[in-house]
Amino acid sequence: MSHTVGELAAMAGVTVRTLHHYDRIGLLTPSGRTSAGYRVYELPDVDRLQQVLLHRGLGFGLEEIGSLLDDPDVDAGDHLRRQHRLLTEQRDRTDRMVAAVEKEMEALAMGNPVTPQEKLEVFGDWLPEEYADEAEQRWGDTEAWAQSQARTGSYTKADWLAIKAETDDLERRVATALAEGAPADGERAMDLAEEHRQQISRRFYDCPPEMHACLGRMYVEEDRFTAYYEGIAPGLAAFLATACQANAARRG
C-alpha cells in the first residue's frame, strides 16, 4: 500500500518536514515518485521509518541510526547494550530526582525551608546566590530583575528541580542538533532558541526576542557563559548564540 508524505507523517506522528529531512540525508528515501514529483512511500519504507523512530526513541543520533540500518558490519547489539546502560543511568538519575521532589513536598507540608545542602543537591557546585550581587549591580534597576526576584523568591526545591530538569533536557536537544549538523540559523535551531526564550519568560522574567538576542551574544562574549556551554559540547556557545539572534530576527 502506497502513502503520500502527508499520510505517512500522520500515521507515524511526525511532521512532513521531518520526513523531508530524512530524505535529504538519505536516512529514509521514498521508493518512488508520482508523475508530478511527489514522494510515494511503500511498505518497506514504512518498516524502515518504524526502525528509525524506535532508535530515535532510544536516543540514537540520525547518523548512528543510518549506520545501524545500512552497514552490515555494524554490531547493533553493541549499540543497544551501550544505549541500555545510558538509559539505565538516566532512569537512576530520574529516580533520585523524584525522591528529592517527594522529600521537598514533605518538607513543604511541614513548613521547613529549603536548606543550603538541598540547594547543593539541585545545582551541584553552582549556586544562584553566588552571582546575585554581580547580577544586581548589572541589572538591579531593570523590570526583568524585579520580576526574576519576585518569582524565584517563592520557588521551592521542587520548583528548582523542575527548572533544572527542563534546562538539562533543552540543552541536551540543542547539543544533539549541533552534533547532527543542523544549521545554527536554521529552523530547528531557531525553534530550540524560541523554546529557550519561552522558558526564561515563564520561569524568570519577560524576555522579548531582542533581549534574548542580547543574551545570546553574552554566551560568546563572557567567558563564564562560554565555558558553561562549551562544557556541554564544543561549539555549543556559538551555536546557541547564533540561534538566539536568528530567532529574534525571524520574530521581527
Protein backbone atom coordinates (compact mmCIF):
# COMPACT_ATOMS: atom_id res chain seq x y z
CA MET A 1 0.00 0.00 0.00
CA SER A 2 1.41 3.38 -1.01
CA HIS A 3 1.36 6.53 1.08
CA THR A 4 1.98 10.18 0.36
CA VAL A 5 4.39 12.06 2.61
CA GLY A 6 1.47 13.67 4.41
CA GLU A 7 -0.26 10.34 5.02
CA LEU A 8 2.91 8.72 6.34
CA ALA A 9 3.65 11.69 8.59
CA ALA A 10 0.15 11.47 10.08
CA MET A 11 0.44 7.72 10.58
CA ALA A 12 3.82 7.94 12.29
CA GLY A 13 3.11 11.04 14.37
CA VAL A 14 5.94 13.06 12.84
CA THR A 15 5.98 16.18 10.70
CA VAL A 16 6.26 16.34 6.94
CA ARG A 17 9.35 18.46 7.48
CA THR A 18 10.94 15.56 9.40
CA LEU A 19 10.32 13.13 6.53
CA HIS A 20 11.73 15.65 4.04
CA HIS A 21 14.84 15.95 6.22
CA TYR A 22 15.23 12.17 6.44
CA ASP A 23 15.01 12.03 2.65
CA ARG A 24 17.64 14.78 2.20
CA ILE A 25 20.17 13.00 4.41
CA GLY A 26 19.47 9.57 2.88
CA LEU A 27 18.02 8.06 6.04
CA LEU A 28 14.57 7.36 4.58
CA THR A 29 14.31 7.69 0.81
CA PRO A 30 10.82 7.04 -0.63
CA SER A 31 10.52 4.12 -3.02
CA GLY A 32 9.00 6.20 -5.77
CA ARG A 33 7.65 9.48 -7.07
CA THR A 34 4.45 10.40 -8.80
CA SER A 35 4.48 11.89 -12.30
CA ALA A 36 4.25 15.28 -10.58
CA GLY A 37 7.34 14.53 -8.48
CA TYR A 38 5.61 13.88 -5.15
CA ARG A 39 7.11 11.32 -2.78
CA VAL A 40 5.48 7.86 -2.61
CA TYR A 41 6.24 5.56 0.34
CA GLU A 42 5.75 1.79 0.13
CA LEU A 43 5.54 -0.84 2.89
CA PRO A 44 9.36 -1.30 3.19
CA ASP A 45 9.64 2.47 3.69
CA VAL A 46 7.07 2.32 6.48
CA ASP A 47 9.00 -0.52 8.12
CA ARG A 48 12.24 1.45 7.90
CA LEU A 49 10.62 4.53 9.40
CA GLN A 50 9.41 2.40 12.28
CA GLN A 51 13.00 1.31 12.91
CA VAL A 52 14.26 4.89 12.67
CA LEU A 53 11.71 6.12 15.19
CA LEU A 54 12.42 3.20 17.51
CA HIS A 55 16.12 4.06 17.62
CA ARG A 56 15.38 7.78 17.94
CA GLY A 57 13.27 6.95 20.98
CA LEU A 58 16.27 5.11 22.43
CA GLY A 59 18.39 8.24 21.98
CA PHE A 60 20.46 7.29 18.92
CA GLY A 61 21.60 10.08 16.60
CA LEU A 62 20.48 10.10 12.96
CA GLU A 63 23.93 9.28 11.58
CA GLU A 64 24.24 6.39 14.02
CA ILE A 65 20.81 5.08 13.02
CA GLY A 66 21.81 5.17 9.35
CA SER A 67 24.87 3.07 10.15
CA LEU A 68 22.84 0.58 12.15
CA LEU A 69 20.30 0.11 9.37
CA ASP A 70 22.63 0.16 6.36
CA ASP A 71 26.05 -1.17 7.41
CA PRO A 72 26.11 -4.98 7.77
CA ASP A 73 29.40 -4.74 9.71
CA VAL A 74 27.91 -2.59 12.48
CA ASP A 75 27.15 -4.58 15.61
CA ALA A 76 23.64 -3.49 16.58
CA GLY A 77 23.95 -5.45 19.83
CA ASP A 78 26.88 -3.30 20.99
CA HIS A 79 24.91 -0.14 20.26
CA LEU A 80 21.85 -1.42 22.09
CA ARG A 81 23.90 -2.51 25.11
CA ARG A 82 25.52 0.92 25.32
CA GLN A 83 22.15 2.62 24.98
CA HIS A 84 20.69 0.33 27.64
CA ARG A 85 23.45 1.44 30.01
CA LEU A 86 22.80 5.13 29.25
CA LEU A 87 19.04 4.74 29.71
CA THR A 88 19.58 2.89 32.98
CA GLU A 89 21.79 5.71 34.25
CA GLN A 90 19.16 8.24 33.16
CA ARG A 91 16.45 6.27 34.95
CA ASP A 92 18.55 6.19 38.12
CA ARG A 93 19.04 9.97 37.96
CA THR A 94 15.31 10.42 37.47
CA ASP A 95 14.57 8.16 40.44
CA ARG A 96 16.89 10.26 42.62
CA MET A 97 15.18 13.44 41.40
CA VAL A 98 11.73 12.01 42.16
CA ALA A 99 12.90 11.09 45.65
CA ALA A 100 14.23 14.63 46.16
CA VAL A 101 10.93 16.14 45.00
CA GLU A 102 8.99 13.89 47.35
CA LYS A 103 11.28 14.93 50.19
CA GLU A 104 10.70 18.59 49.35
CA MET A 105 6.94 18.04 49.24
CA GLU A 106 7.11 16.53 52.69
CA ALA A 107 9.29 19.38 53.99
CA LEU A 108 6.98 21.96 52.44
CA ALA A 109 3.95 20.38 54.09
CA MET A 110 5.76 20.58 57.43
CA GLY A 111 6.79 24.21 56.85
CA ASN A 112 10.53 23.50 56.57
CA PRO A 113 12.55 25.84 54.28
CA VAL A 114 14.97 24.75 51.58
CA THR A 115 18.42 24.32 53.14
CA PRO A 116 21.81 25.14 51.52
CA GLN A 117 22.57 21.42 51.42
CA GLU A 118 19.35 20.77 49.50
CA LYS A 119 20.23 23.57 47.06
CA LEU A 120 23.56 21.83 46.53
CA GLU A 121 21.67 18.64 45.66
CA VAL A 122 19.87 20.54 42.89
CA PHE A 123 22.62 22.73 41.45
CA GLY A 124 25.79 20.82 42.27
CA ASP A 125 28.74 23.16 42.87
CA TRP A 126 26.93 26.17 41.34
CA LEU A 127 24.50 28.17 43.44
CA PRO A 128 22.46 31.12 42.12
CA GLU A 129 23.26 33.37 45.07
CA GLU A 130 26.97 33.23 44.23
CA TYR A 131 26.29 35.65 41.38
CA ALA A 132 23.38 37.54 42.93
CA ASP A 133 25.44 40.60 43.92
CA GLU A 134 27.02 40.88 40.47
CA ALA A 135 23.65 40.42 38.77
CA GLU A 136 22.04 43.07 40.95
CA GLN A 137 24.80 45.57 40.12
CA ARG A 138 24.29 44.99 36.40
CA TRP A 139 20.52 44.65 36.18
CA GLY A 140 19.15 45.69 39.58
CA ASP A 141 17.29 48.71 38.17
CA THR A 142 15.51 46.78 35.43
CA GLU A 143 11.99 45.36 35.29
CA ALA A 144 13.46 41.96 34.39
CA TRP A 145 15.45 41.91 37.65
CA ALA A 146 12.38 42.80 39.69
CA GLN A 147 10.33 40.09 38.00
CA SER A 148 13.06 37.49 38.49
CA GLN A 149 13.45 38.30 42.17
CA ALA A 150 9.70 38.17 42.75
CA ARG A 151 9.30 34.81 41.03
CA THR A 152 12.38 32.97 42.27
CA GLY A 153 11.90 34.19 45.82
CA SER A 154 8.89 31.93 46.16
CA TYR A 155 10.40 28.87 44.47
CA THR A 156 10.73 25.66 46.46
CA LYS A 157 13.27 22.93 45.92
CA ALA A 158 10.69 21.10 43.83
CA ASP A 159 10.42 24.17 41.58
CA TRP A 160 14.20 24.35 41.14
CA LEU A 161 14.37 20.63 40.39
CA ALA A 162 11.71 21.06 37.71
CA ILE A 163 13.60 24.03 36.22
CA LYS A 164 16.85 22.08 36.20
CA ALA A 165 15.17 19.09 34.52
CA GLU A 166 13.71 21.39 31.84
CA THR A 167 17.07 23.09 31.31
CA ASP A 168 19.02 19.82 31.10
CA ASP A 169 16.56 18.42 28.56
CA LEU A 170 16.65 21.54 26.40
CA GLU A 171 20.44 21.77 26.47
CA ARG A 172 20.68 18.10 25.52
CA ARG A 173 18.45 18.68 22.49
CA VAL A 174 20.41 21.78 21.44
CA ALA A 175 23.65 19.78 21.70
CA THR A 176 22.09 16.99 19.62
CA ALA A 177 21.10 19.48 16.91
CA LEU A 178 24.68 20.76 16.85
CA ALA A 179 26.09 17.22 16.68
CA GLU A 180 23.75 16.31 13.82
CA GLY A 181 24.88 19.27 11.75
CA ALA A 182 21.75 21.40 11.96
CA PRO A 183 22.48 24.99 10.82
CA ALA A 184 22.63 27.42 13.74
CA ASP A 185 20.37 29.80 11.80
CA GLY A 186 18.05 27.05 10.54
CA GLU A 187 14.51 26.33 11.66
CA ARG A 188 15.42 23.50 14.04
CA ALA A 189 17.95 25.63 15.93
CA MET A 190 15.67 28.67 15.92
CA ASP A 191 12.80 26.59 17.31
CA LEU A 192 15.04 25.41 20.15
CA ALA A 193 16.15 29.00 20.79
CA GLU A 194 12.50 30.05 20.95
CA GLU A 195 11.85 27.31 23.48
CA HIS A 196 14.80 28.65 25.49
CA ARG A 197 13.34 32.17 25.36
CA GLN A 198 9.91 30.94 26.41
CA GLN A 199 11.41 29.07 29.36
CA ILE A 200 13.11 32.26 30.57
CA SER A 201 9.86 34.19 30.21
CA ARG A 202 7.87 31.51 32.01
CA ARG A 203 10.29 30.86 34.86
CA PHE A 204 12.18 34.13 35.44
CA TYR A 205 11.23 37.31 33.57
CA ASP A 206 9.59 38.54 30.39
CA CYS A 207 12.21 38.06 27.69
CA PRO A 208 11.29 39.61 24.33
CA PRO A 209 13.22 38.46 21.22
CA GLU A 210 15.57 41.46 21.17
CA MET A 211 16.56 40.83 24.81
CA HIS A 212 17.08 37.16 24.03
CA ALA A 213 19.42 38.11 21.16
CA CYS A 214 21.47 40.14 23.65
CA LEU A 215 21.63 37.12 25.95
CA GLY A 216 22.87 35.05 23.03
CA ARG A 217 25.74 37.46 22.41
CA MET A 218 26.65 37.25 26.08
CA TYR A 219 27.12 33.48 25.71
CA VAL A 220 30.12 34.06 23.45
CA GLU A 221 31.36 37.39 24.83
CA GLU A 222 31.61 36.44 28.51
CA ASP A 223 33.99 33.64 29.49
CA ARG A 224 31.81 32.26 32.29
CA PHE A 225 28.86 31.61 29.99
CA THR A 226 31.07 30.36 27.16
CA ALA A 227 32.79 27.88 29.47
CA TYR A 228 29.44 26.59 30.71
CA TYR A 229 28.10 25.80 27.24
CA GLU A 230 31.43 24.54 25.92
CA GLY A 231 31.46 22.14 28.86
CA ILE A 232 28.28 20.59 27.49
CA ALA A 233 29.52 20.35 23.89
CA PRO A 234 32.35 22.07 21.98
CA GLY A 235 30.91 24.84 19.82
CA LEU A 236 27.61 24.97 21.70
CA ALA A 237 28.03 28.54 22.93
CA ALA A 238 28.41 29.96 19.43
CA PHE A 239 25.68 27.67 18.08
CA LEU A 240 23.14 28.82 20.68
CA ALA A 241 24.20 32.47 20.35
CA THR A 242 23.59 32.39 16.59
CA ALA A 243 20.29 30.56 17.04
CA CYS A 244 19.06 33.17 19.55
CA GLN A 245 19.90 36.04 17.21
CA ALA A 246 18.43 34.27 14.16
CA ASN A 247 15.24 33.53 16.06
CA ALA A 248 14.97 37.17 17.17
CA ALA A 249 15.33 38.29 13.55
CA ARG A 250 12.72 35.75 12.45
CA ARG A 251 10.26 37.06 15.01
CA GLY A 252 10.88 40.66 13.98
